[in-house]
PDB file of N, CA and C in Angstrom:
ATOM      1  N   MET A   1     -44.312  16.723 -12.186  1.00  0.00           N
ATOM      2  CA  MET A   1     -43.139  17.524 -12.473  1.00  0.00           C
ATOM      3  C   MET A   1     -42.308  17.744 -11.210  1.00  0.00           C
ATOM      4  N   VAL A   2     -42.986  17.989 -10.097  1.00  0.00           N
ATOM      5  CA  VAL A   2     -42.290  18.230  -8.844  1.00  0.00           C
ATOM      6  C   VAL A   2     -41.578  16.953  -8.391  1.00  0.00           C
ATOM      7  N   GLN A   3     -42.228  15.812  -8.580  1.00  0.00           N
ATOM      8  CA  GLN A   3     -41.611  14.553  -8.183  1.00  0.00           C
ATOM      9  C   GLN A   3     -40.374  14.244  -9.022  1.00  0.00           C
ATOM     10  N   ILE A   4     -40.420  14.592 -10.302  1.00  0.00           N
ATOM     11  CA  ILE A   4     -39.272  14.360 -11.177  1.00  0.00           C
ATOM     12  C   ILE A   4     -38.103  15.244 -10.744  1.00  0.00           C
ATOM     13  N   ASN A   5     -38.367  16.521 -10.445  1.00  0.00           N
ATOM     14  CA  ASN A   5     -37.307  17.419  -9.984  1.00  0.00           C
ATOM     15  C   ASN A   5     -36.721  16.939  -8.654  1.00  0.00           C
ATOM     16  N   PHE A   6     -37.585  16.465  -7.769  1.00  0.00           N
ATOM     17  CA  PHE A   6     -37.117  15.943  -6.487  1.00  0.00           C
ATOM     18  C   PHE A   6     -36.247  14.714  -6.700  1.00  0.00           C
ATOM     19  N   LEU A   7     -36.651  13.843  -7.614  1.00  0.00           N
ATOM     20  CA  LEU A   7     -35.884  12.643  -7.920  1.00  0.00           C
ATOM     21  C   LEU A   7     -34.515  13.007  -8.502  1.00  0.00           C
ATOM     22  N   ILE A   8     -34.461  13.988  -9.370  1.00  0.00           N
ATOM     23  CA  ILE A   8     -33.190  14.434  -9.955  1.00  0.00           C
ATOM     24  C   ILE A   8     -32.289  15.017  -8.875  1.00  0.00           C
ATOM     25  N   LEU A   9     -32.841  15.816  -7.975  1.00  0.00           N
ATOM     26  CA  LEU A   9     -32.056  16.374  -6.879  1.00  0.00           C
ATOM     27  C   LEU A   9     -31.541  15.282  -5.947  1.00  0.00           C
ATOM     28  N   LYS A  10     -32.365  14.280  -5.698  1.00  0.00           N
ATOM     29  CA  LYS A  10     -31.960  13.176  -4.834  1.00  0.00           C
ATOM     30  C   LYS A  10     -30.807  12.393  -5.465  1.00  0.00           C
ATOM     31  N   ILE A  11     -30.879  12.148  -6.767  1.00  0.00           N
ATOM     32  CA  ILE A  11     -29.809  11.429  -7.467  1.00  0.00           C
ATOM     33  C   ILE A  11     -28.521  12.241  -7.429  1.00  0.00           C
ATOM     34  N   ARG A  12     -28.609  13.544  -7.679  1.00  0.00           N
ATOM     35  CA  ARG A  12     -27.418  14.399  -7.631  1.00  0.00           C
ATOM     36  C   ARG A  12     -26.809  14.422  -6.231  1.00  0.00           C
ATOM     37  N   PHE A  13     -27.669  14.495  -5.226  1.00  0.00           N
ATOM     38  CA  PHE A  13     -27.184  14.507  -3.843  1.00  0.00           C
ATOM     39  C   PHE A  13     -26.481  13.189  -3.516  1.00  0.00           C
ATOM     40  N   ASN A  14     -27.064  12.062  -3.952  1.00  0.00           N
ATOM     41  CA  ASN A  14     -26.446  10.759  -3.714  1.00  0.00           C
ATOM     42  C   ASN A  14     -25.088  10.654  -4.393  1.00  0.00           C
ATOM     43  N   LYS A  15     -24.978  11.152  -5.630  1.00  0.00           N
ATOM     44  CA  LYS A  15     -23.697  11.135  -6.336  1.00  0.00           C
ATOM     45  C   LYS A  15     -22.674  12.001  -5.616  1.00  0.00           C
ATOM     46  N   MET A  16     -23.118  13.132  -5.092  1.00  0.00           N
ATOM     47  CA  MET A  16     -22.229  14.024  -4.376  1.00  0.00           C
ATOM     48  C   MET A  16     -21.726  13.362  -3.087  1.00  0.00           C
ATOM     49  N   ILE A  17     -22.604  12.688  -2.376  1.00  0.00           N
ATOM     50  CA  ILE A  17     -22.220  11.987  -1.148  1.00  0.00           C
ATOM     51  C   ILE A  17     -21.251  10.857  -1.467  1.00  0.00           C
ATOM     52  N   ILE A  18     -21.504  10.107  -2.534  1.00  0.00           N
ATOM     53  CA  ILE A  18     -20.614   9.010  -2.916  1.00  0.00           C
ATOM     54  C   ILE A  18     -19.238   9.536  -3.286  1.00  0.00           C
ATOM     55  N   ARG A  19     -19.174  10.645  -4.055  1.00  0.00           N
ATOM     56  CA  ARG A  19     -17.880  11.249  -4.392  1.00  0.00           C
ATOM     57  C   ARG A  19     -17.134  11.696  -3.137  1.00  0.00           C
ATOM     58  N   PHE A  20     -17.847  12.278  -2.200  1.00  0.00           N
ATOM     59  CA  PHE A  20     -17.228  12.725  -0.949  1.00  0.00           C
ATOM     60  C   PHE A  20     -16.677  11.547  -0.158  1.00  0.00           C
ATOM     61  N   LEU A  21     -17.444  10.468  -0.062  1.00  0.00           N
ATOM     62  CA  LEU A  21     -16.998   9.294   0.690  1.00  0.00           C
ATOM     63  C   LEU A  21     -15.803   8.617   0.025  1.00  0.00           C
ATOM     64  N   LYS A  22     -15.786   8.570  -1.306  1.00  0.00           N
ATOM     65  CA  LYS A  22     -14.635   7.994  -2.007  1.00  0.00           C
ATOM     66  C   LYS A  22     -13.382   8.835  -1.775  1.00  0.00           C
ATOM     67  N   LYS A  23     -13.514  10.151  -1.802  1.00  0.00           N
ATOM     68  CA  LYS A  23     -12.374  11.021  -1.551  1.00  0.00           C
ATOM     69  C   LYS A  23     -11.901  10.885  -0.108  1.00  0.00           C
ATOM     70  N   LEU A  24     -12.815  10.775   0.834  1.00  0.00           N
ATOM     71  CA  LEU A  24     -12.463  10.572   2.232  1.00  0.00           C
ATOM     72  C   LEU A  24     -11.723   9.253   2.415  1.00  0.00           C
ATOM     73  N   LYS A  25     -12.168   8.211   1.723  1.00  0.00           N
ATOM     74  CA  LYS A  25     -11.488   6.916   1.776  1.00  0.00           C
ATOM     75  C   LYS A  25     -10.062   7.044   1.257  1.00  0.00           C
ATOM     76  N   ASP A  26      -9.873   7.776   0.163  1.00  0.00           N
ATOM     77  CA  ASP A  26      -8.530   7.967  -0.388  1.00  0.00           C
ATOM     78  C   ASP A  26      -7.631   8.734   0.574  1.00  0.00           C
ATOM     79  N   ILE A  27      -8.154   9.720   1.237  1.00  0.00           N
ATOM     80  CA  ILE A  27      -7.355  10.530   2.157  1.00  0.00           C
ATOM     81  C   ILE A  27      -6.896   9.692   3.346  1.00  0.00           C
ATOM     82  N   ILE A  28      -7.733   8.784   3.804  1.00  0.00           N
ATOM     83  CA  ILE A  28      -7.416   7.972   4.982  1.00  0.00           C
ATOM     84  C   ILE A  28      -6.533   6.773   4.630  1.00  0.00           C
ATOM     85  N   ASP A  29      -6.642   6.240   3.429  1.00  0.00           N
ATOM     86  CA  ASP A  29      -5.976   4.996   3.039  1.00  0.00           C
ATOM     87  C   ASP A  29      -4.483   5.197   2.784  1.00  0.00           C
ATOM     88  N   PRO A  30      -3.603   4.516   3.529  1.00  0.00           N
ATOM     89  CA  PRO A  30      -2.163   4.658   3.288  1.00  0.00           C
ATOM     90  C   PRO A  30      -1.726   4.073   1.944  1.00  0.00           C
ATOM     91  N   ASN A  31      -2.429   3.071   1.431  1.00  0.00           N
ATOM     92  CA  ASN A  31      -2.075   2.504   0.127  1.00  0.00           C
ATOM     93  C   ASN A  31      -2.277   3.513  -0.994  1.00  0.00           C
ATOM     94  N   TYR A  32      -3.286   4.355  -0.867  1.00  0.00           N
ATOM     95  CA  TYR A  32      -3.519   5.414  -1.856  1.00  0.00           C
ATOM     96  C   TYR A  32      -2.323   6.356  -1.903  1.00  0.00           C
ATOM     97  N   TRP A  33      -1.847   6.763  -0.729  1.00  0.00           N
ATOM     98  CA  TRP A  33      -0.726   7.692  -0.679  1.00  0.00           C
ATOM     99  C   TRP A  33       0.561   7.027  -1.137  1.00  0.00           C
ATOM    100  N   ALA A  34       0.761   5.759  -0.801  1.00  0.00           N
ATOM    101  CA  ALA A  34       1.964   5.052  -1.234  1.00  0.00           C
ATOM    102  C   ALA A  34       2.001   4.931  -2.751  1.00  0.00           C
ATOM    103  N   SER A  35       0.896   4.563  -3.365  1.00  0.00           N
ATOM    104  CA  SER A  35       0.879   4.438  -4.821  1.00  0.00           C
ATOM    105  C   SER A  35       1.003   5.806  -5.493  1.00  0.00           C
ATOM    106  N   ARG A  36       0.416   6.815  -4.906  1.00  0.00           N
ATOM    107  CA  ARG A  36       0.524   8.162  -5.481  1.00  0.00           C
ATOM    108  C   ARG A  36       1.970   8.659  -5.436  1.00  0.00           C
ATOM    109  N   ILE A  37       2.638   8.482  -4.296  1.00  0.00           N
ATOM    110  CA  ILE A  37       4.028   8.913  -4.168  1.00  0.00           C
ATOM    111  C   ILE A  37       4.930   8.057  -5.053  1.00  0.00           C
ATOM    112  N   GLY A  38       4.693   6.750  -5.089  1.00  0.00           N
ATOM    113  CA  GLY A  38       5.506   5.865  -5.922  1.00  0.00           C
ATOM    114  C   GLY A  38       5.399   6.182  -7.396  1.00  0.00           C
ATOM    115  N   ASN A  39       4.208   6.487  -7.861  1.00  0.00           N
ATOM    116  CA  ASN A  39       4.025   6.833  -9.272  1.00  0.00           C
ATOM    117  C   ASN A  39       4.581   8.217  -9.591  1.00  0.00           C
ATOM    118  N   LYS A  40       4.383   9.158  -8.696  1.00  0.00           N
ATOM    119  CA  LYS A  40       4.810  10.533  -8.952  1.00  0.00           C
ATOM    120  C   LYS A  40       6.326  10.668  -8.962  1.00  0.00           C
ATOM    121  N   THR A  41       7.012   9.968  -8.068  1.00  0.00           N
ATOM    122  CA  THR A  41       8.459  10.094  -7.973  1.00  0.00           C
ATOM    123  C   THR A  41       9.197   9.108  -8.862  1.00  0.00           C
ATOM    124  N   GLY A  42       8.501   8.128  -9.401  1.00  0.00           N
ATOM    125  CA  GLY A  42       9.147   7.139 -10.258  1.00  0.00           C
ATOM    126  C   GLY A  42       9.829   6.028  -9.481  1.00  0.00           C
ATOM    127  N   LEU A  43       9.511   5.876  -8.200  1.00  0.00           N
ATOM    128  CA  LEU A  43      10.145   4.838  -7.392  1.00  0.00           C
ATOM    129  C   LEU A  43       9.756   3.438  -7.859  1.00  0.00           C
ATOM    130  N   TYR A  44       8.534   3.269  -8.361  1.00  0.00           N
ATOM    131  CA  TYR A  44       8.119   1.959  -8.852  1.00  0.00           C
ATOM    132  C   TYR A  44       8.971   1.546 -10.051  1.00  0.00           C
ATOM    133  N   ALA A  45       9.234   2.474 -10.956  1.00  0.00           N
ATOM    134  CA  ALA A  45      10.053   2.173 -12.133  1.00  0.00           C
ATOM    135  C   ALA A  45      11.485   1.854 -11.721  1.00  0.00           C
ATOM    136  N   LYS A  46      12.021   2.591 -10.747  1.00  0.00           N
ATOM    137  CA  LYS A  46      13.385   2.324 -10.274  1.00  0.00           C
ATOM    138  C   LYS A  46      13.468   0.947  -9.633  1.00  0.00           C
ATOM    139  N   ALA A  47      12.450   0.563  -8.877  1.00  0.00           N
ATOM    140  CA  ALA A  47      12.445  -0.739  -8.226  1.00  0.00           C
ATOM    141  C   ALA A  47      12.332  -1.870  -9.248  1.00  0.00           C
ATOM    142  N   GLU A  48      11.560  -1.664 -10.305  1.00  0.00           N
ATOM    143  CA  GLU A  48      11.418  -2.693 -11.333  1.00  0.00           C
ATOM    144  C   GLU A  48      12.719  -2.909 -12.099  1.00  0.00           C
ATOM    145  N   ASN A  49      13.527  -1.869 -12.262  1.00  0.00           N
ATOM    146  CA  ASN A  49      14.767  -1.971 -13.016  1.00  0.00           C
ATOM    147  C   ASN A  49      15.990  -2.169 -12.131  1.00  0.00           C
ATOM    148  N   SER A  50      15.785  -2.479 -10.883  1.00  0.00           N
ATOM    149  CA  SER A  50      16.881  -2.636  -9.927  1.00  0.00           C
ATOM    150  C   SER A  50      17.695  -3.895 -10.212  1.00  0.00           C
ATOM    151  N   SER A  51      19.013  -3.790 -10.053  1.00  0.00           N
ATOM    152  CA  SER A  51      19.875  -4.960 -10.258  1.00  0.00           C
ATOM    153  C   SER A  51      19.673  -5.986  -9.134  1.00  0.00           C
ATOM    154  N   ILE A  52      19.353  -5.533  -7.945  1.00  0.00           N
ATOM    155  CA  ILE A  52      19.086  -6.457  -6.838  1.00  0.00           C
ATOM    156  C   ILE A  52      17.836  -7.278  -7.130  1.00  0.00           C
ATOM    157  N   ARG A  53      16.840  -6.655  -7.722  1.00  0.00           N
ATOM    158  CA  ARG A  53      15.618  -7.386  -8.080  1.00  0.00           C
ATOM    159  C   ARG A  53      15.920  -8.455  -9.115  1.00  0.00           C
ATOM    160  N   GLU A  54      16.707  -8.096 -10.115  1.00  0.00           N
ATOM    161  CA  GLU A  54      17.081  -9.077 -11.139  1.00  0.00           C
ATOM    162  C   GLU A  54      17.825 -10.261 -10.504  1.00  0.00           C
ATOM    163  N   TRP A  55      18.735  -9.966  -9.592  1.00  0.00           N
ATOM    164  CA  TRP A  55      19.502 -11.017  -8.929  1.00  0.00           C
ATOM    165  C   TRP A  55      18.580 -11.914  -8.103  1.00  0.00           C
ATOM    166  N   ALA A  56      17.675 -11.309  -7.340  1.00  0.00           N
ATOM    167  CA  ALA A  56      16.775 -12.089  -6.483  1.00  0.00           C
ATOM    168  C   ALA A  56      15.818 -12.947  -7.302  1.00  0.00           C
ATOM    169  N   LEU A  57      15.365 -12.436  -8.439  1.00  0.00           N
ATOM    170  CA  LEU A  57      14.471 -13.232  -9.286  1.00  0.00           C
ATOM    171  C   LEU A  57      15.199 -14.391  -9.948  1.00  0.00           C
ATOM    172  N   GLY A  58      16.524 -14.296 -10.083  1.00  0.00           N
ATOM    173  CA  GLY A  58      17.295 -15.360 -10.704  1.00  0.00           C
ATOM    174  C   GLY A  58      17.697 -16.474  -9.754  1.00  0.00           C
ATOM    175  N   LEU A  59      17.422 -16.325  -8.474  1.00  0.00           N
ATOM    176  CA  LEU A  59      17.807 -17.352  -7.509  1.00  0.00           C
ATOM    177  C   LEU A  59      16.940 -18.588  -7.656  1.00  0.00           C
ATOM    178  N   GLU A  60      17.566 -19.761  -7.489  1.00  0.00           N
ATOM    179  CA  GLU A  60      16.828 -21.026  -7.569  1.00  0.00           C
ATOM    180  C   GLU A  60      17.302 -21.963  -6.479  1.00  0.00           C
ATOM    181  N   GLY A  61      16.441 -22.878  -6.108  1.00  0.00           N
ATOM    182  CA  GLY A  61      16.797 -23.924  -5.162  1.00  0.00           C
ATOM    183  C   GLY A  61      17.115 -23.407  -3.771  1.00  0.00           C
ATOM    184  N   TRP A  62      18.197 -23.946  -3.197  1.00  0.00           N
ATOM    185  CA  TRP A  62      18.550 -23.617  -1.817  1.00  0.00           C
ATOM    186  C   TRP A  62      18.941 -22.153  -1.668  1.00  0.00           C
ATOM    187  N   LYS A  63      19.456 -21.526  -2.733  1.00  0.00           N
ATOM    188  CA  LYS A  63      19.844 -20.111  -2.657  1.00  0.00           C
ATOM    189  C   LYS A  63      18.606 -19.230  -2.436  1.00  0.00           C
ATOM    190  N   TRP A  64      17.519 -19.593  -3.116  1.00  0.00           N
ATOM    191  CA  TRP A  64      16.282 -18.839  -2.951  1.00  0.00           C
ATOM    192  C   TRP A  64      15.758 -18.986  -1.524  1.00  0.00           C
ATOM    193  N   TRP A  65      15.764 -20.218  -1.009  1.00  0.00           N
ATOM    194  CA  TRP A  65      15.298 -20.455   0.352  1.00  0.00           C
ATOM    195  C   TRP A  65      16.170 -19.730   1.364  1.00  0.00           C
ATOM    196  N   PHE A  66      17.472 -19.759   1.189  1.00  0.00           N
ATOM    197  CA  PHE A  66      18.387 -19.067   2.089  1.00  0.00           C
ATOM    198  C   PHE A  66      18.089 -17.562   2.081  1.00  0.00           C
ATOM    199  N   TYR A  67      17.906 -17.015   0.905  1.00  0.00           N
ATOM    200  CA  TYR A  67      17.606 -15.587   0.783  1.00  0.00           C
ATOM    201  C   TYR A  67      16.296 -15.252   1.482  1.00  0.00           C
ATOM    202  N   GLN A  68      15.258 -16.051   1.268  1.00  0.00           N
ATOM    203  CA  GLN A  68      13.951 -15.777   1.850  1.00  0.00           C
ATOM    204  C   GLN A  68      13.961 -15.885   3.368  1.00  0.00           C
ATOM    205  N   ILE A  69      14.599 -16.925   3.891  1.00  0.00           N
ATOM    206  CA  ILE A  69      14.535 -17.175   5.329  1.00  0.00           C
ATOM    207  C   ILE A  69      15.561 -16.347   6.097  1.00  0.00           C
ATOM    208  N   VAL A  70      16.809 -16.395   5.705  1.00  0.00           N
ATOM    209  CA  VAL A  70      17.865 -15.761   6.492  1.00  0.00           C
ATOM    210  C   VAL A  70      17.941 -14.269   6.238  1.00  0.00           C
ATOM    211  N   VAL A  71      18.093 -13.870   4.982  1.00  0.00           N
ATOM    212  CA  VAL A  71      18.291 -12.443   4.671  1.00  0.00           C
ATOM    213  C   VAL A  71      17.026 -11.641   4.970  1.00  0.00           C
ATOM    214  N   CYS A  72      15.891 -12.088   4.461  1.00  0.00           N
ATOM    215  CA  CYS A  72      14.645 -11.364   4.722  1.00  0.00           C
ATOM    216  C   CYS A  72      14.255 -11.441   6.194  1.00  0.00           C
ATOM    217  N   GLY A  73      14.550 -12.557   6.845  1.00  0.00           N
ATOM    218  CA  GLY A  73      14.295 -12.678   8.285  1.00  0.00           C
ATOM    219  C   GLY A  73      15.111 -11.687   9.082  1.00  0.00           C
ATOM    220  N   PHE A  74      16.374 -11.487   8.689  1.00  0.00           N
ATOM    221  CA  PHE A  74      17.231 -10.505   9.349  1.00  0.00           C
ATOM    222  C   PHE A  74      16.628  -9.100   9.248  1.00  0.00           C
ATOM    223  N   PHE A  75      16.192  -8.716   8.050  1.00  0.00           N
ATOM    224  CA  PHE A  75      15.596  -7.391   7.885  1.00  0.00           C
ATOM    225  C   PHE A  75      14.273  -7.274   8.647  1.00  0.00           C
ATOM    226  N   PHE A  76      13.503  -8.358   8.691  1.00  0.00           N
ATOM    227  CA  PHE A  76      12.257  -8.355   9.455  1.00  0.00           C
ATOM    228  C   PHE A  76      12.534  -8.098  10.935  1.00  0.00           C
ATOM    229  N   ILE A  77      13.549  -8.765  11.480  1.00  0.00           N
ATOM    230  CA  ILE A  77      13.896  -8.587  12.898  1.00  0.00           C
ATOM    231  C   ILE A  77      14.364  -7.160  13.165  1.00  0.00           C
ATOM    232  N   ILE A  78      15.181  -6.598  12.278  1.00  0.00           N
ATOM    233  CA  ILE A  78      15.661  -5.222  12.450  1.00  0.00           C
ATOM    234  C   ILE A  78      14.490  -4.240  12.422  1.00  0.00           C
ATOM    235  N   ILE A  79      13.594  -4.402  11.468  1.00  0.00           N
ATOM    236  CA  ILE A  79      12.433  -3.495  11.380  1.00  0.00           C
ATOM    237  C   ILE A  79      11.550  -3.654  12.612  1.00  0.00           C
ATOM    238  N   GLU A  80      11.363  -4.886  13.088  1.00  0.00           N
ATOM    239  CA  GLU A  80      10.550  -5.115  14.285  1.00  0.00           C
ATOM    240  C   GLU A  80      11.170  -4.427  15.500  1.00  0.00           C
ATOM    241  N   MET A  81      12.487  -4.508  15.641  1.00  0.00           N
ATOM    242  CA  MET A  81      13.156  -3.836  16.765  1.00  0.00           C
ATOM    243  C   MET A  81      12.995  -2.322  16.687  1.00  0.00           C
ATOM    244  N   LEU A  82      13.117  -1.770  15.480  1.00  0.00           N
ATOM    245  CA  LEU A  82      12.944  -0.320  15.320  1.00  0.00           C
ATOM    246  C   LEU A  82      11.514   0.104  15.646  1.00  0.00           C
ATOM    247  N   LEU A  83      10.556  -0.692  15.200  1.00  0.00           N
ATOM    248  CA  LEU A  83       9.159  -0.368  15.499  1.00  0.00           C
ATOM    249  C   LEU A  83       8.864  -0.509  16.989  1.00  0.00           C
ATOM    250  N   ASN A  84       9.482  -1.478  17.659  1.00  0.00           N
ATOM    251  CA  ASN A  84       9.272  -1.652  19.102  1.00  0.00           C
ATOM    252  C   ASN A  84       9.792  -0.457  19.877  1.00  0.00           C
ATOM    253  N   MET A  85      10.814   0.219  19.361  1.00  0.00           N
ATOM    254  CA  MET A  85      11.349   1.402  20.040  1.00  0.00           C
ATOM    255  C   MET A  85      10.320   2.533  20.107  1.00  0.00           C
ATOM    256  N   ILE A  86       9.427   2.577  19.116  1.00  0.00           N
ATOM    257  CA  ILE A  86       8.402   3.629  19.132  1.00  0.00           C
ATOM    258  C   ILE A  86       7.042   3.095  19.577  1.00  0.00           C
ATOM    259  N   GLY A  87       7.017   1.846  20.040  1.00  0.00           N
ATOM    260  CA  GLY A  87       5.790   1.297  20.621  1.00  0.00           C
ATOM    261  C   GLY A  87       4.844   0.642  19.644  1.00  0.00           C
ATOM    262  N   ILE A  88       5.337   0.233  18.483  1.00  0.00           N
ATOM    263  CA  ILE A  88       4.497  -0.428  17.473  1.00  0.00           C
ATOM    264  C   ILE A  88       5.086  -1.802  17.205  1.00  0.00           C
ATOM    265  N   THR A  89       4.268  -2.720  16.717  1.00  0.00           N
ATOM    266  CA  THR A  89       4.762  -4.048  16.368  1.00  0.00           C
ATOM    267  C   THR A  89       4.105  -4.520  15.087  1.00  0.00           C
ATOM    268  N   MET A  90       4.801  -5.421  14.373  1.00  0.00           N
ATOM    269  CA  MET A  90       4.236  -6.065  13.185  1.00  0.00           C
ATOM    270  C   MET A  90       3.631  -7.421  13.536  1.00  0.00           C
ATOM    271  N   LEU A  91       3.971  -7.933  14.707  1.00  0.00           N
ATOM    272  CA  LEU A  91       3.533  -9.265  15.090  1.00  0.00           C
ATOM    273  C   LEU A  91       2.112  -9.232  15.651  1.00  0.00           C
ATOM    274  N   PRO A  92       1.242 -10.140  15.201  1.00  0.00           N
ATOM    275  CA  PRO A  92      -0.143 -10.083  15.645  1.00  0.00           C
ATOM    276  C   PRO A  92      -0.353 -10.529  17.089  1.00  0.00           C
ATOM    277  N   TRP A  93       0.579 -11.245  17.692  1.00  0.00           N
ATOM    278  CA  TRP A  93       0.396 -11.747  19.055  1.00  0.00           C
ATOM    279  C   TRP A  93       0.984 -10.843  20.114  1.00  0.00           C
ATOM    280  N   ARG A  94       1.478  -9.692  19.749  1.00  0.00           N
ATOM    281  CA  ARG A  94       2.058  -8.786  20.743  1.00  0.00           C
ATOM    282  C   ARG A  94       1.148  -7.606  20.975  1.00  0.00           C
TER     283      ARG A  94
END
């Protein structure tokens, strides 16, 4: 009887530790917070119904390549410069 009670307490303790570790993982993970904020504010729905998204999905051929390389490259460079001002980089070799 004592061993069974000890086993039940051990299982409960393990479940409690696992719940704590999962919650700690959520608190630390930026993707958890991004999805929580996106769902709560409705930003994901706004992005899915965006006219710019519809336009970009309709691009074909050289227009798609131009958009991917030139336009997105321009925004990548701007974001990289802004991040460099605060001492962070997106590039793995820097």
